[in-house]
Protein backbone atom coordinates (compact mmCIF):
# COMPACT_ATOMS: atom_id res chain seq x y z
CA MET A 1 126.77 124.39 175.49
CA ARG A 2 124.08 123.32 177.98
CA THR A 3 121.94 126.33 176.99
CA LEU A 4 122.31 125.45 173.32
CA ALA A 5 121.20 121.86 173.93
CA CYS A 6 118.17 122.99 175.95
CA SER A 7 117.21 125.44 173.20
CA PHE A 8 117.51 122.69 170.59
CA VAL A 9 115.26 120.30 172.54
CA LEU A 10 112.73 123.09 173.22
CA GLY A 11 112.66 123.94 169.52
CA LEU A 12 111.98 120.32 168.61
CA CYS A 13 109.13 120.21 171.14
CA LEU A 14 107.54 123.30 169.62
CA ILE A 15 107.85 121.83 166.11
CA GLY A 16 106.32 118.54 167.26
CA CYS A 17 103.37 120.26 168.94
CA ALA A 18 102.77 122.44 165.89
CA GLN A 19 102.41 119.36 163.68
CA GLN A 20 99.79 117.75 165.97
CA PRO A 21 96.58 119.85 165.95
CA ALA A 22 94.00 119.20 168.65
CA TYR A 23 91.31 116.65 167.83
CA ARG A 24 87.94 118.03 166.77
CA PRO A 25 84.98 115.62 166.83
CA PRO A 26 83.40 115.29 163.38
CA SER A 27 80.06 116.94 162.82
CA VAL A 28 77.29 116.29 160.32
CA ALA A 29 74.59 118.87 159.62
CA MET A 30 71.30 117.48 160.95
CA PRO A 31 67.78 118.81 160.47
CA PRO A 32 66.02 120.22 163.57
CA ALA A 33 63.55 117.29 163.65
CA TYR A 34 62.74 114.05 161.88
CA ARG A 35 60.87 114.75 158.67
CA ASN A 36 58.43 111.83 158.96
CA ALA A 37 58.07 111.74 162.75
CA GLY A 38 54.60 113.28 162.63
CA ALA A 39 53.34 110.44 160.45
CA THR A 40 53.54 107.98 163.34
CA ALA A 41 51.27 109.97 165.65
CA GLY A 42 47.79 111.37 165.30
CA ALA A 43 44.75 109.20 164.72
CA HIS A 44 46.59 106.00 165.61
CA ALA A 45 47.76 107.16 169.03
CA SER A 46 45.97 105.52 171.91
CA PRO A 47 45.66 107.23 175.33
CA ALA A 48 47.84 104.54 176.92
CA ALA A 49 50.52 104.88 174.26
CA ALA A 50 50.49 108.66 174.42
CA GLY A 51 51.44 108.49 178.08
CA VAL A 52 54.68 106.58 177.40
CA GLN A 53 55.92 108.28 174.26
CA HIS A 54 58.91 109.87 175.95
CA ALA A 55 59.69 107.32 178.66
CA VAL A 56 61.06 104.36 176.75
CA HIS A 57 64.78 105.02 176.92
CA GLY A 58 66.70 101.88 177.83
CA ARG A 59 63.77 99.43 177.95
CA TRP A 60 61.79 100.30 174.84
CA TRP A 61 60.47 96.75 174.46
CA THR A 62 58.19 97.30 177.47
CA THR A 63 56.07 99.70 175.39
CA PHE A 64 54.63 96.72 173.48
CA ASP A 65 52.82 95.78 176.72
CA ASP A 66 53.62 92.09 176.22
CA PRO A 67 55.00 90.28 179.30
CA VAL A 68 56.24 87.36 177.19
CA LEU A 69 58.28 89.68 174.97
CA GLU A 70 59.66 91.51 177.99
CA ASN A 71 60.81 88.24 179.60
CA LEU A 72 62.46 87.05 176.38
CA VAL A 73 64.40 90.27 175.88
CA GLU A 74 65.54 90.46 179.50
CA THR A 75 66.71 86.84 179.36
CA ALA A 76 68.58 87.44 176.10
CA LEU A 77 70.35 90.52 177.49
CA ALA A 78 71.62 88.40 180.37
CA ALA A 79 72.63 85.28 178.43
CA ASN A 80 73.25 86.17 174.78
CA LEU A 81 76.69 85.11 173.56
CA ASP A 82 77.15 88.00 171.11
CA ILE A 83 76.88 90.35 174.07
CA ALA A 84 79.39 88.19 175.95
CA VAL A 85 81.80 88.55 173.00
CA ALA A 86 81.35 92.35 173.03
CA ARG A 87 82.03 92.45 176.77
CA ALA A 88 85.21 90.41 176.28
CA ARG A 89 86.37 92.88 173.63
CA LEU A 90 85.69 95.74 176.03
CA ARG A 91 87.79 94.02 178.66
CA GLN A 92 90.66 93.75 176.18
CA ALA A 93 90.33 97.41 175.21
CA LEU A 94 90.32 98.52 178.84
CA ALA A 95 93.48 96.51 179.42
CA GLY A 96 95.03 98.24 176.41
CA SER A 97 94.17 101.68 177.79
CA SER A 98 95.69 100.75 181.16
CA ALA A 99 98.87 99.61 179.42
CA ALA A 100 99.03 102.86 177.43
CA ALA A 101 98.67 104.90 180.63
CA ALA A 102 101.38 102.84 182.34
CA ALA A 103 103.76 103.47 179.43
CA ARG A 104 103.94 107.14 180.47
CA LEU A 105 105.15 106.25 183.98
CA PRO A 106 108.60 105.09 185.12
CA LEU A 107 109.32 101.37 185.01
CA VAL A 108 110.96 100.07 188.19
CA THR A 109 112.53 96.60 188.28
CA ALA A 110 114.28 94.56 190.94
CA ASP A 111 116.44 91.48 190.73
CA GLY A 112 118.39 89.15 192.99
CA SER A 113 120.94 86.52 192.14
CA ALA A 114 123.10 83.84 193.71
CA ALA A 115 125.70 81.98 191.67
CA LEU A 116 128.35 79.36 192.31
CA ARG A 117 131.24 79.19 189.83
CA ARG A 118 134.17 76.79 189.51
CA GLN A 119 137.16 78.16 187.63
CA SER A 120 138.93 76.02 185.02
CA LEU A 121 142.69 75.65 185.50
CA GLU A 122 143.30 74.96 181.82
CA ASP A 123 142.52 78.42 180.44
CA GLN A 124 144.92 81.34 180.56
CA PHE A 125 143.27 83.04 183.55
CA GLY A 126 143.05 79.77 185.52
CA ARG A 127 146.73 78.97 185.00
CA PHE A 128 147.73 82.43 186.18
CA ALA A 129 145.33 82.57 189.13
CA SER A 130 146.35 79.14 190.35
CA THR A 131 149.86 80.47 191.07
CA ILE A 132 148.48 83.00 193.54
CA PRO A 133 148.61 81.82 197.17
CA GLY A 134 145.15 81.10 198.63
CA PHE A 135 143.49 80.78 195.24
CA ASP A 136 140.09 79.04 195.44
CA ARG A 137 138.70 77.55 192.24
CA THR A 138 135.09 77.75 193.61
CA ILE A 139 133.58 81.23 193.88
CA ALA A 140 130.16 82.25 195.26
CA LEU A 141 128.61 85.51 194.03
CA TYR A 142 125.53 87.20 195.54
CA GLY A 143 123.75 90.27 194.22
CA LEU A 144 120.69 92.48 194.73
CA GLY A 145 119.69 95.33 192.50
CA ALA A 146 116.97 97.76 191.49
CA GLY A 147 116.63 99.72 188.30
CA ALA A 148 114.33 102.36 186.87
CA SER A 149 113.77 103.70 183.39
CA TRP A 150 111.48 106.48 182.20
CA GLU A 151 110.77 107.76 178.72
CA ILE A 152 110.17 111.50 178.86
CA ASP A 153 107.25 112.22 176.55
CA LEU A 154 108.78 115.27 174.91
CA PHE A 155 106.73 115.20 171.71
CA GLY A 156 103.45 113.69 172.90
CA GLY A 157 103.82 110.26 171.31
CA LEU A 158 102.94 108.42 174.52
CA ARG A 159 100.07 110.80 175.25
CA ALA A 160 98.73 110.22 171.75
CA GLY A 161 98.99 106.47 172.24
CA GLN A 162 97.02 106.75 175.47
CA ARG A 163 94.33 108.85 173.74
CA ALA A 164 94.05 106.22 171.02
CA ALA A 165 93.71 103.42 173.58
CA LEU A 166 91.07 105.36 175.51
CA ALA A 167 89.15 105.96 172.28
CA ASP A 168 89.35 102.24 171.50
CA ALA A 169 87.97 101.46 174.95
CA ALA A 170 85.13 103.93 174.53
CA GLY A 171 84.36 102.41 171.13
CA ALA A 172 84.34 98.93 172.66
CA GLU A 173 81.98 100.15 175.38
CA ALA A 174 79.67 101.51 172.70
CA GLY A 175 80.00 98.12 171.03
CA VAL A 176 78.53 96.47 174.12
CA SER A 177 75.60 98.89 174.03
CA GLY A 178 75.20 98.24 170.33
CA ALA A 179 75.23 94.49 170.85
CA ARG A 180 72.55 94.79 173.53
CA LEU A 181 70.41 96.95 171.25
CA THR A 182 70.86 94.55 168.32
CA VAL A 183 70.02 91.49 170.39
CA ALA A 184 66.94 93.12 171.91
CA ALA A 185 65.73 94.18 168.46
CA GLU A 186 66.36 90.73 166.96
CA VAL A 187 64.53 89.00 169.80
CA ALA A 188 61.58 91.36 169.42
CA THR A 189 61.48 91.00 165.63
CA THR A 190 61.73 87.21 165.76
CA TYR A 191 59.03 87.08 168.42
CA LEU A 192 56.74 89.21 166.25
CA ASP A 193 57.46 86.89 163.32
CA ALA A 194 56.46 83.90 165.45
CA ARG A 195 53.25 85.56 166.60
CA GLU A 196 52.38 86.44 163.00
CA ILE A 197 52.91 82.84 161.87
CA GLN A 198 50.83 81.55 164.77
CA ALA A 199 47.99 83.88 163.77
CA ARG A 200 48.23 82.77 160.14
CA ILE A 201 48.10 79.12 161.23
CA ASP A 202 44.96 79.90 163.22
CA ILE A 203 43.40 81.57 160.17
CA ALA A 204 44.27 78.62 157.94
CA THR A 205 42.98 76.15 160.55
CA ALA A 206 39.69 78.04 160.80
CA ARG A 207 39.33 78.02 157.03
CA ILE A 208 40.08 74.29 156.96
CA ALA A 209 37.24 73.74 159.43
CA THR A 210 34.91 75.89 157.33
CA LEU A 211 35.85 74.12 154.11
CA ALA A 212 35.43 70.75 155.83
CA ASP A 213 31.89 71.75 156.79
CA LEU A 214 31.26 72.93 153.24
CA ASP A 215 32.69 69.67 151.91
CA ARG A 216 30.23 67.70 154.02
CA LEU A 217 27.41 69.91 152.81
CA VAL A 218 28.40 69.41 149.17
CA GLY A 219 28.71 65.69 149.74
CA LEU A 220 25.22 65.61 151.18
CA ARG A 221 23.83 67.60 148.26
CA LEU A 222 25.71 65.35 145.84
CA SER A 223 24.21 62.24 147.42
CA ARG A 224 20.76 63.74 146.92
CA GLY A 225 21.52 64.62 143.35
CA ILE A 226 21.34 68.35 144.02
CA ALA A 227 25.06 69.12 143.49
CA ALA A 228 27.34 68.15 140.65
CA GLY A 229 30.60 66.21 140.99
CA LEU A 230 32.46 69.33 139.83
CA GLU A 231 31.39 71.16 142.97
CA ALA A 232 32.62 68.33 145.18
CA ASP A 233 35.99 68.34 143.41
CA GLN A 234 36.23 72.11 143.72
CA VAL A 235 35.67 72.02 147.49
CA ALA A 236 38.08 69.09 147.92
CA ALA A 237 40.77 70.96 145.95
CA ASP A 238 40.39 74.13 148.05
CA LEU A 239 40.43 72.10 151.26
CA ALA A 240 43.62 70.26 150.26
CA ALA A 241 45.32 73.49 149.16
CA THR A 242 44.50 75.17 152.47
CA ARG A 243 45.73 72.16 154.42
CA ALA A 244 49.00 72.33 152.45
CA ILE A 245 49.61 75.85 153.79
CA VAL A 246 49.79 74.72 157.41
CA PRO A 247 52.94 72.51 157.23
CA ALA A 248 54.95 75.31 155.60
CA LEU A 249 53.82 77.74 158.29
CA GLU A 250 54.64 75.24 161.04
CA ALA A 251 58.15 74.76 159.63
CA ALA A 252 58.64 78.54 159.52
CA LEU A 253 57.39 78.81 163.10
CA GLU A 254 59.85 76.16 164.26
CA ALA A 255 62.70 78.09 162.64
CA LYS A 256 61.66 81.27 164.46
CA LEU A 257 61.43 79.46 167.79
CA ASN A 258 64.89 77.98 167.31
CA ARG A 259 66.20 81.44 166.47
CA ILE A 260 64.75 82.77 169.73
CA ASP A 261 66.48 80.00 171.68
CA LEU A 262 69.79 80.86 169.98
CA LEU A 263 69.42 84.53 170.84
CA LEU A 264 68.71 83.55 174.43
CA GLY A 265 71.89 81.45 174.53
CA ARG A 266 70.25 78.08 175.05
CA MET A 267 69.59 74.84 173.21
CA PRO A 268 66.56 74.66 170.87
CA GLY A 269 63.25 73.48 172.27
CA GLU A 270 62.47 75.88 175.11
CA ALA A 271 60.98 78.80 173.18
CA ALA A 272 57.84 76.89 172.17
CA ILE A 273 56.92 76.46 175.83
CA ALA A 274 58.08 79.96 176.79
CA ILE A 275 55.99 81.91 174.29
CA GLY A 276 52.89 79.69 174.17
CA THR A 277 50.18 81.25 172.06
CA GLY A 278 49.00 84.81 171.73
CA ALA A 279 48.16 87.67 169.41
CA VAL A 280 50.55 89.98 167.59
CA PRO A 281 51.34 92.89 169.99
CA ARG A 282 50.07 96.30 169.02
CA ALA A 283 52.74 98.65 167.70
CA PRO A 284 53.48 101.41 170.26
CA GLU A 285 53.91 105.07 169.52
CA LEU A 286 57.45 105.58 168.27
CA LEU A 287 58.28 109.12 169.29
CA PRO A 288 56.78 112.59 169.48
CA ALA A 289 57.53 114.91 166.57
CA ALA A 290 59.38 117.37 168.81
CA ILE A 291 62.38 115.10 169.40
CA PRO A 292 65.38 116.70 167.61
CA ALA A 293 67.19 114.67 164.98
CA THR A 294 70.53 115.54 166.59
CA LEU A 295 69.83 112.90 169.27
CA LEU A 296 70.60 110.33 166.57
CA THR A 297 74.31 110.78 167.27
CA ALA A 298 73.80 108.98 170.59
CA ARG A 299 73.31 105.70 168.69
CA PRO A 300 75.89 103.15 169.89
CA ASP A 301 77.24 102.45 166.40
CA LEU A 302 77.66 106.17 165.74
CA VAL A 303 79.43 106.64 169.06
CA ALA A 304 81.74 103.76 168.12
CA ALA A 305 82.33 105.28 164.67
CA GLU A 306 83.22 108.67 166.18
CA ARG A 307 85.58 107.02 168.65
CA ALA A 308 87.23 105.22 165.73
CA VAL A 309 87.90 108.65 164.19
CA ALA A 310 89.36 109.85 167.49
CA ALA A 311 91.59 106.77 167.75
CA ALA A 312 92.82 107.16 164.18
CA ASP A 313 93.55 110.85 164.80
CA ALA A 314 95.52 110.02 167.95
CA ARG A 315 97.53 107.36 166.13
CA THR A 316 98.34 109.91 163.44
CA ALA A 317 99.70 112.20 166.16
CA GLN A 318 101.65 109.26 167.57
CA ALA A 319 103.18 108.60 164.15
CA ILE A 320 104.12 112.28 163.79
CA ALA A 321 105.86 112.15 167.18
CA GLY A 322 107.84 109.15 165.92
CA GLN A 323 109.94 111.37 163.64
CA PHE A 324 111.44 113.17 166.65
CA PRO A 325 114.01 111.90 169.19
CA ARG A 326 113.03 109.92 172.28
CA LEU A 327 114.58 110.88 175.62
CA THR A 328 114.99 108.05 178.15
CA LEU A 329 116.34 108.32 181.68
CA ALA A 330 117.67 105.24 183.47
CA ALA A 331 119.12 104.51 186.91
CA LEU A 332 120.56 101.38 188.51
CA PHE A 333 121.54 100.68 192.12
CA GLY A 334 122.58 97.40 193.71
CA VAL A 335 125.00 95.41 195.79
CA LEU A 336 127.34 92.60 194.69
CA SER A 337 129.57 90.46 196.88
CA THR A 338 131.15 87.02 197.11
CA ASP A 339 130.05 86.82 200.73
CA VAL A 340 126.52 87.14 202.11
CA ALA A 341 127.82 88.73 205.28
CA SER A 342 129.37 91.65 203.40
CA LEU A 343 126.58 91.97 200.86
CA PHE A 344 125.13 95.08 202.51
CA GLY A 345 128.41 96.77 203.31
CA ALA A 346 129.42 100.07 201.81
CA THR A 347 132.08 98.48 199.64
CA ALA A 348 129.54 96.17 197.93
CA THR A 349 127.36 98.94 196.48
CA GLN A 350 127.29 99.81 192.81
CA GLY A 351 125.10 102.08 190.65
CA SER A 352 124.72 104.12 187.51
CA VAL A 353 122.60 106.94 186.06
CA SER A 354 122.19 107.55 182.33
CA ALA A 355 120.19 109.53 179.82
CA GLY A 356 119.72 108.57 176.19
CA LEU A 357 118.38 110.41 173.17
CA THR A 358 117.47 108.27 170.15
CA GLY A 359 115.67 109.08 166.96
CA PRO A 360 115.57 108.35 163.23
CA VAL A 361 118.33 109.87 161.10
CA PHE A 362 118.13 108.00 157.82
CA ALA A 363 114.78 106.15 157.84
CA PHE A 364 114.48 106.32 154.04
CA GLY A 365 110.81 107.38 154.15
CA ARG A 366 109.62 104.83 156.71
CA VAL A 367 108.41 107.41 159.22
CA ARG A 368 106.79 109.56 156.55
CA ALA A 369 105.04 106.51 155.10
CA ASP A 370 103.75 105.60 158.57
CA ILE A 371 102.38 109.12 159.03
CA GLU A 372 100.66 109.10 155.64
CA GLY A 373 99.20 105.65 156.28
CA ASN A 374 97.72 106.81 159.57
CA ARG A 375 96.33 109.94 157.96
CA GLY A 376 94.69 107.75 155.34
CA ARG A 377 93.15 105.57 158.05
CA ARG A 378 91.90 108.70 159.83
CA ASP A 379 90.27 109.97 156.63
CA GLU A 380 88.70 106.54 156.09
CA ALA A 381 87.28 106.51 159.63
CA LEU A 382 85.91 110.03 159.11
CA ALA A 383 84.18 109.05 155.86
CA GLN A 384 82.81 105.91 157.53
CA TYR A 385 81.39 108.05 160.33
CA HIS A 386 79.65 110.42 157.92
CA LEU A 387 78.27 107.47 155.98
CA ALA A 388 77.02 105.84 159.20
CA VAL A 389 75.20 109.04 160.22
CA LEU A 390 73.49 109.36 156.85
CA ARG A 391 72.54 105.68 156.86
CA ALA A 392 71.18 105.97 160.40
CA ALA A 393 69.08 109.01 159.49
CA GLY A 394 67.65 107.13 156.53
CA GLU A 395 66.81 104.14 158.73
CA VAL A 396 64.90 106.37 161.16
CA GLU A 397 62.87 108.07 158.43
CA THR A 398 62.17 104.74 156.73
CA SER A 399 60.95 103.17 159.96
CA PHE A 400 58.60 106.10 160.60
CA VAL A 401 57.03 105.78 157.17
CA ALA A 402 56.86 101.97 157.41
CA LEU A 403 55.08 102.22 160.76
CA ALA A 404 52.54 104.76 159.53
CA ARG A 405 51.81 102.96 156.26
CA SER A 406 51.56 99.54 157.91
CA ARG A 407 49.04 100.93 160.38
CA ASP A 408 47.01 102.42 157.55
CA ARG A 409 47.13 99.14 155.65
CA ALA A 410 46.11 97.14 158.72
CA SER A 411 43.18 99.49 159.34
CA HIS A 412 41.89 99.15 155.77
CA LEU A 413 42.36 95.38 155.77
CA GLN A 414 40.50 95.06 159.06
CA ALA A 415 37.55 96.89 157.53
CA SER A 416 37.79 94.69 154.46
CA ALA A 417 37.93 91.50 156.55
CA ALA A 418 34.85 92.57 158.53
CA ALA A 419 32.91 93.20 155.31
CA LEU A 420 34.12 89.94 153.76
CA ALA A 421 33.13 87.98 156.88
CA ARG A 422 29.58 89.27 156.43
CA ALA A 423 29.71 88.49 152.71
CA ARG A 424 30.94 84.95 153.40
CA ALA A 425 28.11 84.28 155.84
CA ALA A 426 25.60 85.58 153.32
CA ALA A 427 27.15 83.51 150.52
CA ARG A 428 26.97 80.33 152.61
CA ARG A 429 23.35 80.91 153.43
CA ALA A 430 22.60 81.65 149.80
CA TYR A 431 24.45 78.54 148.64
CA ALA A 432 22.61 76.38 151.17
CA ALA A 433 19.37 77.78 149.78
CA GLY A 434 20.55 77.21 146.21
CA ALA A 435 20.53 80.93 145.39
CA VAL A 436 24.24 81.19 144.43
CA SER A 437 26.81 78.82 142.95
CA LEU A 438 29.53 77.08 144.89
CA ILE A 439 32.15 79.12 143.04
CA GLU A 440 30.75 82.30 144.61
CA ALA A 441 30.76 80.74 148.07
CA LEU A 442 34.35 79.52 147.71
CA ASP A 443 35.46 82.87 146.35
CA ALA A 444 34.05 84.57 149.45
CA GLU A 445 36.00 82.14 151.63
CA ARG A 446 39.24 82.74 149.70
CA ARG A 447 38.93 86.51 149.78
CA LEU A 448 38.21 86.49 153.51
CA GLN A 449 41.30 84.43 154.24
CA LEU A 450 43.47 86.75 152.13
CA ALA A 451 42.11 89.78 153.99
CA GLN A 452 42.67 88.15 157.38
CA ASP A 453 46.17 87.08 156.39
CA GLY A 454 46.93 90.56 155.14
CA THR A 455 45.59 92.15 158.32
CA VAL A 456 47.83 90.02 160.53
CA THR A 457 50.87 90.70 158.33
CA ALA A 458 50.20 94.45 158.32
CA GLN A 459 49.85 94.49 162.11
CA ALA A 460 53.09 92.56 162.45
CA ASP A 461 54.77 94.88 159.92
CA ALA A 462 53.73 97.88 162.01
CA ALA A 463 55.15 96.31 165.17
CA ARG A 464 58.36 95.35 163.34
CA ALA A 465 58.64 98.90 162.00
CA ALA A 466 58.38 100.18 165.58
CA VAL A 467 61.22 97.83 166.59
CA SER A 468 63.27 99.10 163.64
CA GLY A 469 62.53 102.65 164.71
CA PHE A 470 63.65 102.07 168.28
CA ARG A 471 66.78 100.37 166.98
CA ALA A 472 67.48 103.18 164.50
CA LEU A 473 67.07 105.75 167.27
CA GLY A 474 69.61 103.93 169.40
CA GLY A 475 67.09 102.45 171.85
CA GLY A 476 64.90 105.46 172.62
CA TRP A 477 65.60 108.91 173.97
CA PRO A 478 66.00 110.56 177.36
CA ASP A 479 62.88 111.41 179.34
CA ARG A 480 62.52 115.15 178.81
CA ALA A 481 60.49 115.48 181.98
CA GLY A 482 63.28 113.86 184.03
């Protein structure tokens, strides 16, 4: 009979293991290298940038060579509240994994008691007991005991639960890394936005000064009867329109500064002093073309997505194990006495040992539904992982192209601005000499401002594209020379 029972339990174990295949991490076919990586190098690479192409892992923001940006990012990584939330979630997940590991170990409990009881003489037992010589209505009872219980993990349900909890913890850890990367990228992007707006304010302010000088010149010519009132109105209109640009830019700058303060976990008002004034940082080299695209899978969000697949797979195995019996061993030992003095005597001891086997018999599809639900969640996590990889690859390629094209645009606009600056100077001299009309002089001013504005925006776009690239790559890549 004992042999038959052992054979039955062993057969169930083999069936349970057969229904729980080992987890295989999902894989997505990746090209050997990034298709547009080469577009970011070449003519735009500076000797200084070329020396740091492969050494930006972990602190990529330092490649912008901007101490103000470096200080802002480091402060945000230490004080940002989104990162604090991610760390709190990691702490919860680690506690869950510890609890899952403890569930596989025996549970030992201890208890002690002391009670004082007074027996009623009006119930049946009291009436009978009161007739016994020496009967005492008041009884003291003292007890000490220890117990242990242990679920034997015959079918791997507890092991699967522990694997799921560990996967959750790993995903939460990747979430902290992802939060740090996101915050660093947002600080850098917002800082670049602020620098761009500051540069545009400077351009508009310079044009206001130029138009004010031209307005005085037209006024002087008008007073001498050389210029017409139409010219004076034209200059006044352009001057007012340019002045109207500045308040909108200042409002946008204030919004960016407040955003920086929020990212740094502090009240608004400090960023304006912290960043001061300065130029838009030059976009660094993003990465050499030889970096393989397979490194993309190290991105924190992709690590978290893969761990979500692992957790869902483990919970599916846990649900499968739920259709088989659970074997629990229990033991109890203690002492019980009405007298403290005899509490530890041999006659006061008591104990028990038991084993229990429980499992579903008629669950009416509940267990099967739980298994199918978990399989559906596993398939969903797998599809989400594949989608995240494809989206990440697209983000990397897009950032490469955006960086290269923004650099090209900035280069062309710089050449245009230089030519237009010479044309504006010539037009002003010609207007002062009466050789050209005011319309031509104003048009030269307008075109120069557009070119300067466009140059600043293109430079900022290139720097923002570099930030997007670093973020898409997961914060850089390992130093191959290390």
